[in-house]
Amino acid sequence: MSRSAKRKPVTLDEIEAGLDLVARRMEKLGTRAELYLPIWRALEREREKRVEASTILAAARARLTRSQDRTAGQSS
């Protein structure tokens, strides 16, 4: 098994911590903070993907619950 196959996915908390770290580094760099913009953008994209996935999964669970409630109501 490859090393990448053994790794756990990066969590939203880890991405948030990464953004905090990059923000601190950007502050220290002052006028050269733009050097970190590609990293910031990448972390933001990953954060948005996680948030979107979480929102979709929550909506799917809510829909399933409503569907099961309707089905249970029809069979009684």
N, C-alpha and C. Protein backbone atom coordinates (compact mmCIF):
# COMPACT_ATOMS: atom_id res chain seq x y z
N MET A 1 0.86 -1.18 0.00
CA MET A 1 0.00 0.00 0.00
C MET A 1 0.90 1.24 0.00
N SER A 2 0.51 2.24 -0.79
CA SER A 2 1.32 3.45 -0.87
C SER A 2 1.12 4.32 0.37
N ARG A 3 2.06 5.24 0.58
CA ARG A 3 1.95 6.14 1.73
C ARG A 3 0.68 6.97 1.69
N SER A 4 0.32 7.45 0.51
CA SER A 4 -0.88 8.29 0.41
C SER A 4 -2.15 7.52 0.72
N ALA A 5 -2.15 6.22 0.46
CA ALA A 5 -3.34 5.42 0.75
C ALA A 5 -3.52 5.22 2.25
N LYS A 6 -2.47 5.35 3.02
CA LYS A 6 -2.54 5.17 4.47
C LYS A 6 -2.98 6.44 5.20
N ARG A 7 -2.85 7.59 4.56
CA ARG A 7 -3.17 8.86 5.21
C ARG A 7 -4.66 9.07 5.36
N LYS A 8 -5.02 9.66 6.48
CA LYS A 8 -6.41 10.07 6.70
C LYS A 8 -6.63 11.38 5.95
N PRO A 9 -7.86 11.62 5.50
CA PRO A 9 -8.15 12.90 4.84
C PRO A 9 -7.92 14.07 5.80
N VAL A 10 -7.55 15.17 5.24
CA VAL A 10 -7.35 16.39 6.03
C VAL A 10 -8.71 16.85 6.52
N THR A 11 -8.79 17.22 7.79
CA THR A 11 -10.06 17.64 8.37
C THR A 11 -10.27 19.15 8.19
N LEU A 12 -11.51 19.56 8.38
CA LEU A 12 -11.82 20.98 8.32
C LEU A 12 -11.06 21.74 9.40
N ASP A 13 -10.93 21.15 10.58
CA ASP A 13 -10.17 21.80 11.66
C ASP A 13 -8.71 22.00 11.27
N GLU A 14 -8.14 21.02 10.59
CA GLU A 14 -6.74 21.14 10.15
C GLU A 14 -6.59 22.23 9.09
N ILE A 15 -7.56 22.32 8.20
CA ILE A 15 -7.53 23.38 7.19
C ILE A 15 -7.64 24.74 7.86
N GLU A 16 -8.54 24.86 8.84
CA GLU A 16 -8.69 26.12 9.58
C GLU A 16 -7.38 26.48 10.29
N ALA A 17 -6.72 25.49 10.88
CA ALA A 17 -5.44 25.73 11.55
C ALA A 17 -4.40 26.19 10.53
N GLY A 18 -4.44 25.60 9.35
CA GLY A 18 -3.53 26.02 8.28
C GLY A 18 -3.76 27.46 7.87
N LEU A 19 -5.02 27.85 7.76
CA LEU A 19 -5.32 29.24 7.44
C LEU A 19 -4.82 30.19 8.53
N ASP A 20 -4.98 29.78 9.78
CA ASP A 20 -4.46 30.60 10.89
C ASP A 20 -2.95 30.77 10.77
N LEU A 21 -2.27 29.67 10.49
CA LEU A 21 -0.81 29.70 10.35
C LEU A 21 -0.39 30.61 9.20
N VAL A 22 -1.05 30.46 8.07
CA VAL A 22 -0.71 31.29 6.91
C VAL A 22 -0.98 32.76 7.22
N ALA A 23 -2.07 33.05 7.91
CA ALA A 23 -2.36 34.44 8.28
C ALA A 23 -1.25 35.02 9.15
N ARG A 24 -0.77 34.22 10.10
CA ARG A 24 0.34 34.70 10.95
C ARG A 24 1.60 34.95 10.12
N ARG A 25 1.89 34.04 9.21
CA ARG A 25 3.08 34.20 8.35
C ARG A 25 2.93 35.42 7.45
N MET A 26 1.74 35.63 6.93
CA MET A 26 1.51 36.79 6.07
C MET A 26 1.72 38.08 6.86
N GLU A 27 1.25 38.10 8.09
CA GLU A 27 1.43 39.28 8.94
C GLU A 27 2.92 39.58 9.14
N LYS A 28 3.69 38.54 9.37
CA LYS A 28 5.13 38.73 9.59
C LYS A 28 5.86 39.21 8.34
N LEU A 29 5.38 38.81 7.17
CA LEU A 29 6.05 39.19 5.93
C LEU A 29 5.77 40.61 5.49
N GLY A 30 4.73 41.20 6.03
CA GLY A 30 4.42 42.59 5.67
C GLY A 30 4.15 42.74 4.19
N THR A 31 4.97 43.55 3.52
CA THR A 31 4.75 43.84 2.10
C THR A 31 4.95 42.62 1.20
N ARG A 32 5.61 41.60 1.70
CA ARG A 32 5.83 40.39 0.90
C ARG A 32 4.78 39.31 1.18
N ALA A 33 3.73 39.67 1.90
CA ALA A 33 2.68 38.72 2.26
C ALA A 33 2.04 38.07 1.05
N GLU A 34 2.07 38.74 -0.09
CA GLU A 34 1.46 38.18 -1.30
C GLU A 34 2.09 36.86 -1.71
N LEU A 35 3.27 36.57 -1.21
CA LEU A 35 3.91 35.29 -1.52
C LEU A 35 3.07 34.12 -1.03
N TYR A 36 2.28 34.35 -0.01
CA TYR A 36 1.45 33.29 0.56
C TYR A 36 0.06 33.21 -0.06
N LEU A 37 -0.26 34.09 -0.98
CA LEU A 37 -1.61 34.08 -1.57
C LEU A 37 -1.97 32.75 -2.24
N PRO A 38 -1.07 32.11 -2.98
CA PRO A 38 -1.45 30.81 -3.57
C PRO A 38 -1.78 29.75 -2.51
N ILE A 39 -1.06 29.76 -1.42
CA ILE A 39 -1.34 28.81 -0.34
C ILE A 39 -2.68 29.14 0.30
N TRP A 40 -2.91 30.42 0.56
CA TRP A 40 -4.17 30.86 1.15
C TRP A 40 -5.35 30.44 0.26
N ARG A 41 -5.22 30.71 -1.04
CA ARG A 41 -6.30 30.37 -1.97
C ARG A 41 -6.57 28.86 -1.99
N ALA A 42 -5.51 28.07 -1.98
CA ALA A 42 -5.67 26.61 -2.00
C ALA A 42 -6.38 26.13 -0.74
N LEU A 43 -5.98 26.66 0.40
CA LEU A 43 -6.63 26.28 1.66
C LEU A 43 -8.09 26.71 1.67
N GLU A 44 -8.37 27.89 1.17
CA GLU A 44 -9.76 28.37 1.10
C GLU A 44 -10.60 27.47 0.21
N ARG A 45 -10.04 27.05 -0.94
CA ARG A 45 -10.78 26.15 -1.84
C ARG A 45 -11.09 24.83 -1.14
N GLU A 46 -10.10 24.28 -0.44
CA GLU A 46 -10.31 23.02 0.27
C GLU A 46 -11.34 23.18 1.38
N ARG A 47 -11.28 24.30 2.09
CA ARG A 47 -12.25 24.56 3.16
C ARG A 47 -13.66 24.63 2.59
N GLU A 48 -13.81 25.33 1.48
CA GLU A 48 -15.13 25.45 0.85
C GLU A 48 -15.65 24.09 0.39
N LYS A 49 -14.77 23.25 -0.13
CA LYS A 49 -15.18 21.90 -0.54
C LYS A 49 -15.71 21.11 0.65
N ARG A 50 -15.01 21.19 1.77
CA ARG A 50 -15.43 20.46 2.97
C ARG A 50 -16.76 20.98 3.49
N VAL A 51 -16.92 22.30 3.53
CA VAL A 51 -18.15 22.90 4.01
C VAL A 51 -19.31 22.52 3.08
N GLU A 52 -19.08 22.59 1.77
CA GLU A 52 -20.12 22.23 0.82
C GLU A 52 -20.52 20.76 0.98
N ALA A 53 -19.53 19.88 1.10
CA ALA A 53 -19.81 18.45 1.25
C ALA A 53 -20.61 18.21 2.53
N SER A 54 -20.23 18.87 3.59
CA SER A 54 -20.93 18.72 4.86
C SER A 54 -22.37 19.20 4.75
N THR A 55 -22.59 20.31 4.06
CA THR A 55 -23.93 20.85 3.86
C THR A 55 -24.78 19.88 3.04
N ILE A 56 -24.21 19.33 1.99
CA ILE A 56 -24.94 18.39 1.14
C ILE A 56 -25.29 17.13 1.92
N LEU A 57 -24.34 16.61 2.68
CA LEU A 57 -24.60 15.40 3.46
C LEU A 57 -25.70 15.64 4.50
N ALA A 58 -25.68 16.80 5.14
CA ALA A 58 -26.73 17.13 6.12
C ALA A 58 -28.09 17.23 5.43
N ALA A 59 -28.13 17.82 4.25
CA ALA A 59 -29.39 17.94 3.51
C ALA A 59 -29.90 16.56 3.10
N ALA A 60 -29.00 15.69 2.69
CA ALA A 60 -29.40 14.33 2.30
C ALA A 60 -29.95 13.56 3.50
N ARG A 61 -29.30 13.70 4.66
CA ARG A 61 -29.79 13.03 5.87
C ARG A 61 -31.17 13.55 6.26
N ALA A 62 -31.36 14.86 6.16
CA ALA A 62 -32.66 15.46 6.50
C ALA A 62 -33.73 14.97 5.54
N ARG A 63 -33.39 14.88 4.27
CA ARG A 63 -34.36 14.40 3.28
C ARG A 63 -34.73 12.95 3.56
N LEU A 64 -33.74 12.13 3.88
CA LEU A 64 -34.00 10.73 4.18
C LEU A 64 -34.92 10.60 5.39
N THR A 65 -34.68 11.39 6.42
CA THR A 65 -35.53 11.37 7.62
C THR A 65 -36.96 11.74 7.26
N ARG A 66 -37.12 12.80 6.47
CA ARG A 66 -38.48 13.21 6.05
C ARG A 66 -39.15 12.10 5.24
N SER A 67 -38.39 11.49 4.35
CA SER A 67 -38.93 10.42 3.51
C SER A 67 -39.35 9.22 4.35
N GLN A 68 -38.52 8.87 5.32
CA GLN A 68 -38.85 7.74 6.20
C GLN A 68 -40.06 8.06 7.06
N ASP A 69 -40.17 9.29 7.50
CA ASP A 69 -41.34 9.71 8.29
C ASP A 69 -42.61 9.62 7.46
N ARG A 70 -42.53 10.04 6.19
CA ARG A 70 -43.70 9.97 5.31
C ARG A 70 -44.08 8.51 5.06
N THR A 71 -43.09 7.67 4.82
CA THR A 71 -43.33 6.26 4.56
C THR A 71 -43.93 5.59 5.79
N ALA A 72 -43.40 5.91 6.97
CA ALA A 72 -43.94 5.33 8.21
C ALA A 72 -45.37 5.79 8.44
N GLY A 73 -45.67 7.02 8.11
CA GLY A 73 -47.01 7.55 8.28
C GLY A 73 -48.02 6.90 7.33
N GLN A 74 -47.56 6.52 6.16
CA GLN A 74 -48.44 5.89 5.17
C GLN A 74 -48.75 4.45 5.53
N SER A 75 -47.81 3.76 6.20
CA SER A 75 -48.01 2.35 6.50
C SER A 75 -48.81 2.11 7.78
N SER A 76 -49.06 3.19 8.55
CA SER A 76 -49.82 2.99 9.79
C SER A 76 -51.30 3.03 9.57
